[in-house]
Amino acid sequence: RYKVKLNKKNELSFLFIGAYDQFKLNFDAEQTEENRYILGYLPVNNQWSYTVGATHKYFMNNSVLTTVISRNHLNNSIYKYANNDDSNPQNLITDFESNESENKLRSEISTALNGYNLNFGISTELDQYDTDSYNNLYTNGIPTEISTTSLLNIIRYGAFGSISKSVIDERLTLTLGVRADGANYS
């Protein structure tokens, strides 16, 4: 995370978080019946993900304009070979990969006016999901290959606003808000 004050009226902050995980099966585990069973069905799973974003704040008299842009992405893959033998492609039982990503943009104004706090803004988001899946299933000893691919893109948008006021010696805050959302999916 990094924050920089450009001048009295402008502030930028950046955030990046990432993860990279690679799993492998522990064939050195004690060869008990339970461990052999677990190693026989448990797939190998690899995944990585990240979130990155930036926020710009513009300070005005009694108001702040905040604009946020961000992206997060998750990649997940799973595979399994019969008898854990990946030297022969014919042994492939399961091969799965998925990606999920969200790109977001939001802009809002917060202001104080005559003892009231006002907040309103707009947002938009592009969500993308895709999967590739292969399974070689056996039913009564007969192999059946099932392969699927999917892709889904969704655009979302919204507008929101709220007004709040502290009462009873500022021990209670009353807030009234409204939000409207839409998407191209439905």
N, C-alpha and C. Protein backbone atom coordinates (compact mmCIF):
# COMPACT_ATOMS: atom_id res chain seq x y z
N ARG A 1 0.86 -1.16 0.00
CA ARG A 1 0.00 0.00 0.00
C ARG A 1 0.90 1.22 0.00
N TYR A 2 0.50 2.21 -0.81
CA TYR A 2 1.28 3.43 -0.90
C TYR A 2 0.31 4.60 -1.01
N LYS A 3 0.58 5.65 -0.23
CA LYS A 3 -0.25 6.84 -0.25
C LYS A 3 0.64 8.06 -0.44
N VAL A 4 0.20 8.99 -1.31
CA VAL A 4 0.96 10.20 -1.55
C VAL A 4 0.00 11.39 -1.59
N LYS A 5 0.38 12.43 -0.89
CA LYS A 5 -0.39 13.68 -0.91
C LYS A 5 0.26 14.57 -1.96
N LEU A 6 -0.42 14.77 -3.09
CA LEU A 6 0.13 15.54 -4.20
C LEU A 6 0.21 17.03 -3.89
N ASN A 7 -0.85 17.53 -3.25
CA ASN A 7 -0.91 18.92 -2.79
C ASN A 7 -2.04 19.01 -1.78
N LYS A 8 -2.44 20.22 -1.39
CA LYS A 8 -3.47 20.37 -0.36
C LYS A 8 -4.82 19.80 -0.77
N LYS A 9 -5.06 19.71 -2.07
CA LYS A 9 -6.38 19.29 -2.54
C LYS A 9 -6.42 17.89 -3.15
N ASN A 10 -5.29 17.26 -3.37
CA ASN A 10 -5.25 15.97 -4.07
C ASN A 10 -4.42 14.94 -3.32
N GLU A 11 -4.99 13.75 -3.22
CA GLU A 11 -4.31 12.64 -2.55
C GLU A 11 -4.53 11.37 -3.38
N LEU A 12 -3.48 10.60 -3.57
CA LEU A 12 -3.55 9.33 -4.29
C LEU A 12 -3.10 8.20 -3.36
N SER A 13 -3.77 7.07 -3.48
CA SER A 13 -3.29 5.88 -2.77
C SER A 13 -3.41 4.68 -3.70
N PHE A 14 -2.49 3.74 -3.53
CA PHE A 14 -2.42 2.54 -4.36
C PHE A 14 -2.35 1.32 -3.44
N LEU A 15 -2.94 0.23 -3.90
CA LEU A 15 -2.94 -1.00 -3.13
C LEU A 15 -2.69 -2.17 -4.08
N PHE A 16 -1.84 -3.11 -3.65
CA PHE A 16 -1.63 -4.33 -4.40
C PHE A 16 -1.48 -5.48 -3.41
N ILE A 17 -2.26 -6.53 -3.64
CA ILE A 17 -2.17 -7.75 -2.83
C ILE A 17 -2.17 -8.91 -3.82
N GLY A 18 -1.25 -9.85 -3.63
CA GLY A 18 -1.18 -10.99 -4.54
C GLY A 18 -0.91 -12.28 -3.79
N ALA A 19 -1.29 -13.38 -4.41
CA ALA A 19 -1.04 -14.70 -3.84
C ALA A 19 -0.73 -15.68 -4.95
N TYR A 20 0.20 -16.59 -4.68
CA TYR A 20 0.58 -17.61 -5.65
C TYR A 20 0.74 -18.91 -4.88
N ASP A 21 -0.12 -19.88 -5.18
CA ASP A 21 -0.10 -21.15 -4.46
C ASP A 21 0.06 -22.29 -5.44
N GLN A 22 1.04 -23.16 -5.20
CA GLN A 22 1.20 -24.38 -5.97
C GLN A 22 1.23 -25.54 -4.99
N PHE A 23 0.29 -26.45 -5.17
CA PHE A 23 0.17 -27.59 -4.28
C PHE A 23 0.68 -28.83 -5.00
N LYS A 24 1.24 -29.75 -4.24
CA LYS A 24 1.63 -31.02 -4.83
C LYS A 24 1.26 -32.12 -3.83
N LEU A 25 1.09 -33.30 -4.35
CA LEU A 25 0.74 -34.44 -3.51
C LEU A 25 1.99 -34.96 -2.82
N ASN A 26 1.84 -35.35 -1.57
CA ASN A 26 2.97 -35.84 -0.79
C ASN A 26 3.06 -37.36 -0.90
N PHE A 27 3.81 -37.81 -1.90
CA PHE A 27 3.96 -39.24 -2.11
C PHE A 27 4.92 -39.87 -1.10
N ASP A 28 5.59 -39.04 -0.30
CA ASP A 28 6.48 -39.55 0.73
C ASP A 28 5.75 -39.84 2.04
N ALA A 29 4.46 -39.56 2.07
CA ALA A 29 3.68 -39.83 3.29
C ALA A 29 3.66 -41.33 3.56
N GLU A 30 3.48 -41.67 4.82
CA GLU A 30 3.42 -43.08 5.20
C GLU A 30 2.35 -43.78 4.36
N GLN A 31 2.66 -44.93 3.81
CA GLN A 31 1.77 -45.61 2.88
C GLN A 31 0.70 -46.43 3.61
N THR A 32 -0.12 -45.74 4.38
CA THR A 32 -1.25 -46.40 5.03
C THR A 32 -2.38 -46.53 4.00
N GLU A 33 -3.36 -47.35 4.33
CA GLU A 33 -4.50 -47.51 3.42
C GLU A 33 -5.22 -46.18 3.22
N GLU A 34 -5.37 -45.43 4.29
CA GLU A 34 -6.05 -44.12 4.20
C GLU A 34 -5.26 -43.15 3.31
N ASN A 35 -3.94 -43.07 3.48
CA ASN A 35 -3.13 -42.17 2.67
C ASN A 35 -3.14 -42.56 1.20
N ARG A 36 -3.08 -43.88 0.93
CA ARG A 36 -3.15 -44.33 -0.47
C ARG A 36 -4.49 -43.95 -1.10
N TYR A 37 -5.56 -44.08 -0.31
CA TYR A 37 -6.89 -43.71 -0.80
C TYR A 37 -6.95 -42.20 -1.10
N ILE A 38 -6.45 -41.39 -0.17
CA ILE A 38 -6.47 -39.93 -0.35
C ILE A 38 -5.65 -39.53 -1.57
N LEU A 39 -4.44 -40.09 -1.70
CA LEU A 39 -3.60 -39.77 -2.86
C LEU A 39 -4.21 -40.26 -4.16
N GLY A 40 -5.06 -41.28 -4.07
CA GLY A 40 -5.70 -41.82 -5.27
C GLY A 40 -6.78 -40.92 -5.85
N TYR A 41 -7.45 -40.13 -5.00
CA TYR A 41 -8.53 -39.29 -5.53
C TYR A 41 -8.23 -37.79 -5.46
N LEU A 42 -7.33 -37.37 -4.60
CA LEU A 42 -7.07 -35.94 -4.42
C LEU A 42 -6.35 -35.36 -5.63
N PRO A 43 -6.90 -34.29 -6.24
CA PRO A 43 -6.24 -33.69 -7.40
C PRO A 43 -5.15 -32.70 -6.97
N VAL A 44 -4.34 -32.30 -7.93
CA VAL A 44 -3.36 -31.24 -7.72
C VAL A 44 -4.07 -29.93 -8.03
N ASN A 45 -3.87 -28.96 -7.15
CA ASN A 45 -4.54 -27.67 -7.28
C ASN A 45 -3.50 -26.56 -7.29
N ASN A 46 -3.56 -25.68 -8.30
CA ASN A 46 -2.69 -24.51 -8.37
C ASN A 46 -3.58 -23.29 -8.53
N GLN A 47 -3.21 -22.20 -7.87
CA GLN A 47 -3.99 -20.99 -8.02
C GLN A 47 -3.13 -19.76 -7.78
N TRP A 48 -3.59 -18.66 -8.37
CA TRP A 48 -2.97 -17.37 -8.11
C TRP A 48 -4.07 -16.32 -8.14
N SER A 49 -3.83 -15.25 -7.43
CA SER A 49 -4.82 -14.17 -7.40
C SER A 49 -4.12 -12.86 -7.08
N TYR A 50 -4.79 -11.78 -7.44
CA TYR A 50 -4.29 -10.47 -7.08
C TYR A 50 -5.44 -9.48 -7.02
N THR A 51 -5.22 -8.44 -6.27
CA THR A 51 -6.12 -7.29 -6.21
C THR A 51 -5.24 -6.06 -6.33
N VAL A 52 -5.63 -5.15 -7.22
CA VAL A 52 -4.89 -3.91 -7.40
C VAL A 52 -5.91 -2.78 -7.51
N GLY A 53 -5.57 -1.65 -6.92
CA GLY A 53 -6.51 -0.54 -6.97
C GLY A 53 -5.84 0.79 -6.70
N ALA A 54 -6.55 1.84 -7.09
CA ALA A 54 -6.06 3.20 -6.86
C ALA A 54 -7.25 4.06 -6.43
N THR A 55 -6.98 4.98 -5.53
CA THR A 55 -7.99 5.92 -5.04
C THR A 55 -7.45 7.33 -5.18
N HIS A 56 -8.28 8.20 -5.74
CA HIS A 56 -7.95 9.62 -5.83
C HIS A 56 -8.97 10.39 -5.00
N LYS A 57 -8.48 11.24 -4.10
CA LYS A 57 -9.36 12.10 -3.30
C LYS A 57 -9.06 13.55 -3.66
N TYR A 58 -10.14 14.28 -3.96
CA TYR A 58 -10.03 15.70 -4.25
C TYR A 58 -10.80 16.43 -3.15
N PHE A 59 -10.08 17.22 -2.36
CA PHE A 59 -10.66 17.91 -1.21
C PHE A 59 -11.14 19.30 -1.62
N MET A 60 -12.42 19.58 -1.31
CA MET A 60 -13.03 20.88 -1.58
C MET A 60 -13.52 21.45 -0.25
N ASN A 61 -14.10 22.63 -0.26
CA ASN A 61 -14.69 23.19 0.96
C ASN A 61 -15.81 22.29 1.46
N ASN A 62 -15.66 21.68 2.61
CA ASN A 62 -16.66 20.81 3.25
C ASN A 62 -17.04 19.58 2.42
N SER A 63 -16.28 19.25 1.38
CA SER A 63 -16.61 18.11 0.52
C SER A 63 -15.35 17.37 0.10
N VAL A 64 -15.55 16.10 -0.22
CA VAL A 64 -14.47 15.27 -0.76
C VAL A 64 -15.04 14.48 -1.94
N LEU A 65 -14.37 14.59 -3.10
CA LEU A 65 -14.71 13.78 -4.27
C LEU A 65 -13.73 12.61 -4.29
N THR A 66 -14.26 11.40 -4.21
CA THR A 66 -13.43 10.20 -4.18
C THR A 66 -13.70 9.36 -5.42
N THR A 67 -12.64 8.98 -6.12
CA THR A 67 -12.76 8.11 -7.28
C THR A 67 -11.87 6.89 -7.04
N VAL A 68 -12.46 5.72 -7.22
CA VAL A 68 -11.75 4.46 -6.95
C VAL A 68 -11.82 3.59 -8.19
N ILE A 69 -10.68 3.05 -8.59
CA ILE A 69 -10.62 2.08 -9.69
C ILE A 69 -9.87 0.86 -9.16
N SER A 70 -10.41 -0.34 -9.46
CA SER A 70 -9.76 -1.54 -8.94
C SER A 70 -10.01 -2.73 -9.85
N ARG A 71 -9.17 -3.74 -9.66
CA ARG A 71 -9.30 -5.00 -10.39
C ARG A 71 -8.87 -6.12 -9.46
N ASN A 72 -9.65 -7.21 -9.48
CA ASN A 72 -9.20 -8.42 -8.80
C ASN A 72 -9.38 -9.59 -9.75
N HIS A 73 -8.50 -10.57 -9.60
CA HIS A 73 -8.47 -11.70 -10.52
C HIS A 73 -8.08 -12.95 -9.74
N LEU A 74 -8.79 -14.04 -10.00
CA LEU A 74 -8.49 -15.33 -9.40
C LEU A 74 -8.40 -16.36 -10.52
N ASN A 75 -7.28 -17.09 -10.56
CA ASN A 75 -7.09 -18.20 -11.50
C ASN A 75 -6.95 -19.46 -10.67
N ASN A 76 -7.71 -20.50 -11.05
CA ASN A 76 -7.71 -21.74 -10.30
C ASN A 76 -7.61 -22.89 -11.29
N SER A 77 -6.66 -23.80 -11.07
CA SER A 77 -6.55 -24.98 -11.95
C SER A 77 -6.42 -26.24 -11.11
N ILE A 78 -7.03 -27.30 -11.62
CA ILE A 78 -7.03 -28.60 -10.94
C ILE A 78 -6.80 -29.67 -12.00
N TYR A 79 -5.97 -30.64 -11.68
CA TYR A 79 -5.83 -31.77 -12.58
C TYR A 79 -5.58 -33.04 -11.78
N LYS A 80 -5.93 -34.16 -12.39
CA LYS A 80 -5.74 -35.47 -11.76
C LYS A 80 -5.50 -36.51 -12.84
N TYR A 81 -4.49 -37.36 -12.61
CA TYR A 81 -4.18 -38.47 -13.50
C TYR A 81 -4.43 -39.78 -12.77
N ALA A 82 -4.88 -40.78 -13.49
CA ALA A 82 -5.09 -42.11 -12.91
C ALA A 82 -3.77 -42.61 -12.36
N ASN A 83 -3.81 -43.16 -11.17
CA ASN A 83 -2.63 -43.67 -10.47
C ASN A 83 -1.53 -42.63 -10.33
N ASN A 84 -1.90 -41.36 -10.43
CA ASN A 84 -0.96 -40.23 -10.33
C ASN A 84 0.18 -40.34 -11.35
N ASP A 85 -0.11 -40.96 -12.49
CA ASP A 85 0.89 -41.15 -13.55
C ASP A 85 0.62 -40.14 -14.66
N ASP A 86 1.34 -39.02 -14.63
CA ASP A 86 1.15 -37.97 -15.64
C ASP A 86 2.07 -38.15 -16.84
N SER A 87 2.78 -39.30 -16.93
CA SER A 87 3.67 -39.53 -18.07
C SER A 87 2.90 -39.92 -19.33
N ASN A 88 1.65 -40.36 -19.16
CA ASN A 88 0.82 -40.77 -20.29
C ASN A 88 -0.45 -39.92 -20.31
N PRO A 89 -0.66 -39.11 -21.37
CA PRO A 89 -1.86 -38.26 -21.44
C PRO A 89 -3.17 -39.04 -21.36
N GLN A 90 -3.14 -40.33 -21.71
CA GLN A 90 -4.36 -41.16 -21.64
C GLN A 90 -4.83 -41.33 -20.19
N ASN A 91 -3.95 -41.08 -19.23
CA ASN A 91 -4.31 -41.24 -17.82
C ASN A 91 -5.06 -40.04 -17.24
N LEU A 92 -5.24 -38.99 -18.04
CA LEU A 92 -5.89 -37.79 -17.54
C LEU A 92 -7.34 -38.08 -17.17
N ILE A 93 -7.69 -37.77 -15.92
CA ILE A 93 -9.05 -37.97 -15.44
C ILE A 93 -9.78 -36.62 -15.36
N THR A 94 -9.11 -35.62 -14.82
CA THR A 94 -9.73 -34.31 -14.62
C THR A 94 -8.74 -33.21 -14.98
N ASP A 95 -9.22 -32.22 -15.70
CA ASP A 95 -8.43 -31.04 -16.02
C ASP A 95 -9.39 -29.86 -16.01
N PHE A 96 -9.18 -28.95 -15.10
CA PHE A 96 -10.11 -27.84 -14.91
C PHE A 96 -9.33 -26.55 -14.72
N GLU A 97 -9.78 -25.48 -15.39
CA GLU A 97 -9.20 -24.16 -15.17
C GLU A 97 -10.31 -23.13 -15.19
N SER A 98 -10.24 -22.20 -14.24
CA SER A 98 -11.22 -21.12 -14.21
C SER A 98 -10.53 -19.80 -13.92
N ASN A 99 -11.14 -18.74 -14.44
CA ASN A 99 -10.69 -17.37 -14.19
C ASN A 99 -11.90 -16.54 -13.79
N GLU A 100 -11.72 -15.75 -12.78
CA GLU A 100 -12.76 -14.82 -12.36
C GLU A 100 -12.08 -13.46 -12.19
N SER A 101 -12.64 -12.43 -12.83
CA SER A 101 -12.07 -11.10 -12.67
C SER A 101 -13.18 -10.07 -12.56
N GLU A 102 -12.89 -9.03 -11.81
CA GLU A 102 -13.81 -7.91 -11.64
C GLU A 102 -13.03 -6.62 -11.81
N ASN A 103 -13.54 -5.72 -12.65
CA ASN A 103 -12.97 -4.40 -12.85
C ASN A 103 -14.01 -3.40 -12.38
N LYS A 104 -13.65 -2.54 -11.43
CA LYS A 104 -14.62 -1.64 -10.81
C LYS A 104 -14.18 -0.19 -10.91
N LEU A 105 -15.18 0.69 -11.06
CA LEU A 105 -14.95 2.13 -11.05
C LEU A 105 -16.09 2.76 -10.26
N ARG A 106 -15.73 3.58 -9.27
CA ARG A 106 -16.74 4.24 -8.43
C ARG A 106 -16.31 5.68 -8.19
N SER A 107 -17.27 6.57 -8.23
CA SER A 107 -17.01 7.98 -7.92
C SER A 107 -18.12 8.47 -7.01
N GLU A 108 -17.73 9.17 -5.93
CA GLU A 108 -18.73 9.65 -4.98
C GLU A 108 -18.29 10.97 -4.36
N ILE A 109 -19.28 11.72 -3.92
CA ILE A 109 -19.04 12.98 -3.23
C ILE A 109 -19.62 12.88 -1.83
N SER A 110 -18.81 13.25 -0.84
CA SER A 110 -19.26 13.35 0.54
C SER A 110 -19.14 14.80 0.95
N THR A 111 -20.20 15.33 1.54
CA THR A 111 -20.19 16.74 1.92
C THR A 111 -20.96 16.95 3.22
N ALA A 112 -20.59 17.99 3.92
CA ALA A 112 -21.30 18.39 5.14
C ALA A 112 -22.01 19.70 4.86
N LEU A 113 -23.30 19.77 5.21
CA LEU A 113 -24.10 20.95 4.91
C LEU A 113 -25.11 21.16 6.03
N ASN A 114 -24.97 22.26 6.78
CA ASN A 114 -25.91 22.63 7.85
C ASN A 114 -26.16 21.49 8.84
N GLY A 115 -25.12 20.78 9.24
CA GLY A 115 -25.26 19.70 10.22
C GLY A 115 -25.65 18.36 9.62
N TYR A 116 -25.85 18.30 8.33
CA TYR A 116 -26.19 17.06 7.64
C TYR A 116 -24.97 16.57 6.86
N ASN A 117 -24.82 15.26 6.78
CA ASN A 117 -23.78 14.65 5.95
C ASN A 117 -24.46 14.02 4.73
N LEU A 118 -24.02 14.44 3.56
CA LEU A 118 -24.58 13.93 2.31
C LEU A 118 -23.51 13.12 1.59
N ASN A 119 -23.96 12.03 0.97
CA ASN A 119 -23.06 11.18 0.20
C ASN A 119 -23.83 10.67 -1.00
N PHE A 120 -23.27 10.84 -2.20
CA PHE A 120 -23.92 10.31 -3.40
C PHE A 120 -22.87 9.99 -4.45
N GLY A 121 -23.22 9.05 -5.32
CA GLY A 121 -22.25 8.67 -6.33
C GLY A 121 -22.78 7.66 -7.32
N ILE A 122 -21.86 7.21 -8.19
CA ILE A 122 -22.17 6.23 -9.23
C ILE A 122 -21.07 5.17 -9.26
N SER A 123 -21.42 4.02 -9.81
CA SER A 123 -20.44 2.95 -9.92
C SER A 123 -20.72 2.11 -11.17
N THR A 124 -19.68 1.48 -11.66
CA THR A 124 -19.82 0.53 -12.77
C THR A 124 -18.81 -0.61 -12.55
N GLU A 125 -19.14 -1.77 -13.11
CA GLU A 125 -18.30 -2.95 -12.89
C GLU A 125 -18.42 -3.89 -14.08
N LEU A 126 -17.29 -4.43 -14.50
CA LEU A 126 -17.26 -5.46 -15.53
C LEU A 126 -16.76 -6.74 -14.87
N ASP A 127 -17.59 -7.77 -14.87
CA ASP A 127 -17.24 -9.07 -14.30
C ASP A 127 -17.06 -10.06 -15.43
N GLN A 128 -16.00 -10.86 -15.36
CA GLN A 128 -15.74 -11.86 -16.38
C GLN A 128 -15.44 -13.20 -15.71
N TYR A 129 -16.10 -14.24 -16.18
CA TYR A 129 -15.90 -15.59 -15.65
C TYR A 129 -15.72 -16.53 -16.84
N ASP A 130 -14.69 -17.37 -16.79
CA ASP A 130 -14.53 -18.39 -17.82
C ASP A 130 -14.00 -19.67 -17.19
N THR A 131 -14.44 -20.79 -17.75
CA THR A 131 -14.00 -22.10 -17.27
C THR A 131 -13.77 -23.03 -18.45
N ASP A 132 -12.80 -23.89 -18.32
CA ASP A 132 -12.57 -25.02 -19.22
C ASP A 132 -12.47 -26.25 -18.34
N SER A 133 -13.28 -27.23 -18.65
CA SER A 133 -13.35 -28.41 -17.79
C SER A 133 -13.35 -29.68 -18.63
N TYR A 134 -12.54 -30.65 -18.21
CA TYR A 134 -12.50 -31.97 -18.85
C TYR A 134 -12.57 -33.02 -17.75
N ASN A 135 -13.44 -33.98 -17.92
CA ASN A 135 -13.55 -35.09 -16.98
C ASN A 135 -13.69 -36.39 -17.77
N ASN A 136 -12.95 -37.40 -17.37
CA ASN A 136 -13.06 -38.73 -17.94
C ASN A 136 -13.65 -39.61 -16.85
N LEU A 137 -14.96 -39.81 -16.94
CA LEU A 137 -15.69 -40.56 -15.91
C LEU A 137 -15.90 -42.00 -16.35
N TYR A 138 -15.87 -42.90 -15.39
CA TYR A 138 -16.10 -44.31 -15.67
C TYR A 138 -17.39 -44.75 -15.02
N THR A 139 -18.28 -45.32 -15.84
CA THR A 139 -19.52 -45.88 -15.35
C THR A 139 -19.57 -47.33 -15.80
N ASN A 140 -19.59 -48.24 -14.84
CA ASN A 140 -19.57 -49.68 -15.13
C ASN A 140 -18.38 -50.04 -16.03
N GLY A 141 -17.24 -49.38 -15.78
CA GLY A 141 -16.02 -49.67 -16.52
C GLY A 141 -15.95 -49.04 -17.90
N ILE A 142 -16.96 -48.25 -18.26
CA ILE A 142 -16.98 -47.61 -19.58
C ILE A 142 -16.62 -46.13 -19.41
N PRO A 143 -15.56 -45.68 -20.12
CA PRO A 143 -15.16 -44.27 -19.98
C PRO A 143 -16.12 -43.35 -20.75
N THR A 144 -16.42 -42.22 -20.13
CA THR A 144 -17.24 -41.18 -20.76
C THR A 144 -16.52 -39.86 -20.57
N GLU A 145 -16.17 -39.23 -21.69
CA GLU A 145 -15.49 -37.94 -21.63
C GLU A 145 -16.52 -36.81 -21.64
N ILE A 146 -16.35 -35.88 -20.70
CA ILE A 146 -17.22 -34.70 -20.62
C ILE A 146 -16.31 -33.49 -20.64
N SER A 147 -16.53 -32.63 -21.63
CA SER A 147 -15.70 -31.43 -21.77
C SER A 147 -16.63 -30.23 -21.92
N THR A 148 -16.39 -29.19 -21.13
CA THR A 148 -17.23 -27.99 -21.20
C THR A 148 -16.35 -26.75 -21.17
N THR A 149 -16.85 -25.72 -21.82
CA THR A 149 -16.22 -24.41 -21.80
C THR A 149 -17.32 -23.39 -21.59
N SER A 150 -17.06 -22.41 -20.74
CA SER A 150 -18.06 -21.37 -20.51
C SER A 150 -17.39 -20.02 -20.41
N LEU A 151 -18.13 -19.00 -20.80
CA LEU A 151 -17.66 -17.63 -20.73
C LEU A 151 -18.85 -16.75 -20.39
N LEU A 152 -18.68 -15.89 -19.40
CA LEU A 152 -19.76 -15.01 -18.98
C LEU A 152 -19.18 -13.63 -18.70
N ASN A 153 -19.73 -12.62 -19.35
CA ASN A 153 -19.36 -11.22 -19.12
C ASN A 153 -20.60 -10.49 -18.61
N ILE A 154 -20.46 -9.79 -17.51
CA ILE A 154 -21.58 -9.04 -16.93
C ILE A 154 -21.12 -7.61 -16.70
N ILE A 155 -21.95 -6.67 -17.15
CA ILE A 155 -21.70 -5.26 -16.85
C ILE A 155 -22.74 -4.84 -15.83
N ARG A 156 -22.26 -4.26 -14.73
CA ARG A 156 -23.15 -3.78 -13.67
C ARG A 156 -22.95 -2.28 -13.51
N TYR A 157 -23.98 -1.61 -13.04
CA TYR A 157 -23.91 -0.17 -12.82
C TYR A 157 -24.86 0.19 -11.69
N GLY A 158 -24.57 1.30 -11.05
CA GLY A 158 -25.41 1.71 -9.93
C GLY A 158 -25.26 3.18 -9.60
N ALA A 159 -26.22 3.66 -8.86
CA ALA A 159 -26.21 5.02 -8.33
C ALA A 159 -26.71 4.95 -6.89
N PHE A 160 -26.17 5.79 -6.04
CA PHE A 160 -26.53 5.72 -4.63
C PHE A 160 -26.48 7.11 -4.01
N GLY A 161 -27.15 7.24 -2.89
CA GLY A 161 -27.12 8.49 -2.15
C GLY A 161 -27.63 8.27 -0.74
N SER A 162 -27.15 9.09 0.18
CA SER A 162 -27.62 9.01 1.56
C SER A 162 -27.48 10.38 2.22
N ILE A 163 -28.29 10.56 3.25
CA ILE A 163 -28.22 11.76 4.08
C ILE A 163 -28.27 11.29 5.53
N SER A 164 -27.43 11.88 6.37
CA SER A 164 -27.41 11.47 7.78
C SER A 164 -27.25 12.70 8.66
N LYS A 165 -27.72 12.54 9.89
CA LYS A 165 -27.64 13.63 10.87
C LYS A 165 -27.49 13.02 12.25
N SER A 166 -26.59 13.61 13.03
CA SER A 166 -26.42 13.19 14.42
C SER A 166 -27.41 13.97 15.28
N VAL A 167 -28.04 13.27 16.22
CA VAL A 167 -29.03 13.87 17.11
C VAL A 167 -28.73 13.42 18.54
N ILE A 168 -29.49 13.96 19.47
CA ILE A 168 -29.37 13.64 20.90
C ILE A 168 -27.91 13.78 21.34
N ASP A 169 -27.43 15.01 21.27
CA ASP A 169 -26.05 15.33 21.66
C ASP A 169 -25.03 14.45 20.92
N GLU A 170 -25.30 14.17 19.65
CA GLU A 170 -24.44 13.38 18.77
C GLU A 170 -24.21 11.95 19.28
N ARG A 171 -25.18 11.43 20.02
CA ARG A 171 -25.10 10.06 20.51
C ARG A 171 -25.83 9.09 19.58
N LEU A 172 -26.61 9.63 18.65
CA LEU A 172 -27.37 8.81 17.72
C LEU A 172 -27.27 9.44 16.34
N THR A 173 -27.01 8.61 15.34
CA THR A 173 -26.96 9.11 13.96
C THR A 173 -28.09 8.45 13.17
N LEU A 174 -28.91 9.27 12.54
CA LEU A 174 -29.99 8.78 11.69
C LEU A 174 -29.54 8.91 10.24
N THR A 175 -29.77 7.87 9.45
CA THR A 175 -29.34 7.86 8.06
C THR A 175 -30.49 7.36 7.19
N LEU A 176 -30.69 8.05 6.07
CA LEU A 176 -31.65 7.64 5.06
C LEU A 176 -30.88 7.50 3.75
N GLY A 177 -31.02 6.35 3.11
CA GLY A 177 -30.25 6.13 1.89
C GLY A 177 -31.07 5.42 0.83
N VAL A 178 -30.59 5.53 -0.40
CA VAL A 178 -31.24 4.86 -1.52
C VAL A 178 -30.14 4.39 -2.49
N ARG A 179 -30.40 3.26 -3.14
CA ARG A 179 -29.45 2.72 -4.11
C ARG A 179 -30.24 2.07 -5.24
N ALA A 180 -29.76 2.26 -6.45
CA ALA A 180 -30.36 1.60 -7.62
C ALA A 180 -29.24 0.90 -8.38
N ASP A 181 -29.50 -0.34 -8.78
CA ASP A 181 -28.50 -1.14 -9.49
C ASP A 181 -29.11 -1.74 -10.75
N GLY A 182 -28.27 -1.98 -11.72
CA GLY A 182 -28.70 -2.65 -12.94
C GLY A 182 -27.56 -3.48 -13.49
N ALA A 183 -27.93 -4.39 -14.40
CA ALA A 183 -26.93 -5.26 -15.02
C ALA A 183 -27.44 -5.69 -16.39
N ASN A 184 -26.51 -6.00 -17.28
CA ASN A 184 -26.91 -6.46 -18.60
C ASN A 184 -27.21 -7.95 -18.63
N TYR A 185 -26.99 -8.65 -17.52
CA TYR A 185 -27.13 -10.10 -17.51
C TYR A 185 -28.57 -10.56 -17.67
N SER A 186 -29.48 -9.93 -16.94
CA SER A 186 -30.86 -10.40 -16.98
C SER A 186 -31.69 -9.61 -17.97
